[in-house]
């Protein structure tokens, strides 16, 4: 099973930059999208049912904001939109596909914003998602959680850590939560397979030619519960895929 996650920074903008061509060429079994910025009534068949795929969309109550989606070749046994927590589900931030006891989750974590203005909301979401995953595991599910975490975990995960120590996405509270998440029985699939391979980023500011110079951050992740790690055979970052300020990340799970 090959799964992609990608923050498209607006699905309609990404579509104009070749998203549907990429999807058709990806050979993905599942694709999770973040920041689609679209409402269900704004979808047309080309987006909702491209050749070979079904889809599910979970939109924020606020138009043009946040929102997530999932494309899938095989219809899931069950789909859950959100976590059952109104405060976070109102922003359309997570979607879960169930295949037997395999729970695939795509999530768009909040940005803590300048000066940590939304840090409390961000950490609250993180903790709610941790509890959600824990409840699924208690029911016997194996977990794959992917998406835009808006967190660079360690110094190796961004090009200029010293300059960003007080910036959103690299705040101590965010990094500490992610450390605790991993200690709670989850594996960062990319680091698990590639170790401390440097200069591996998934997001670049549009300013100052940052992407061309690879001055970026690794903030898009694929994590698996420890019991799923033996089935994780590949995890790759795809910086050559354009269409957003983020690039896709893929993970492959052995059946």
Foldseek 3Di string as FASTA:
>chain_A
DKEKEEALLAQVLLVVVPPLVCVVVVPHQKYKYKQNQADPVPDDCCVQPPPQWHKDWQAALDGRAITMMMIHNDQAPDKDFDQPDCVPSNHHFKMWGHHPQEIEMEGDADWCDPPSVNVVVRVVVLVSVLVSVVVSVVVPHKYKYWYQSLAQQDPQFFQDCVVPARPTRNDPVSNVSVVVSVVVFKDFLVCVPPPSDGLDAFAFDPPDCCLVVSRHGHRITIMIGNVQNVQWDDKDWDSVDDSHRGGMIMTGGHD
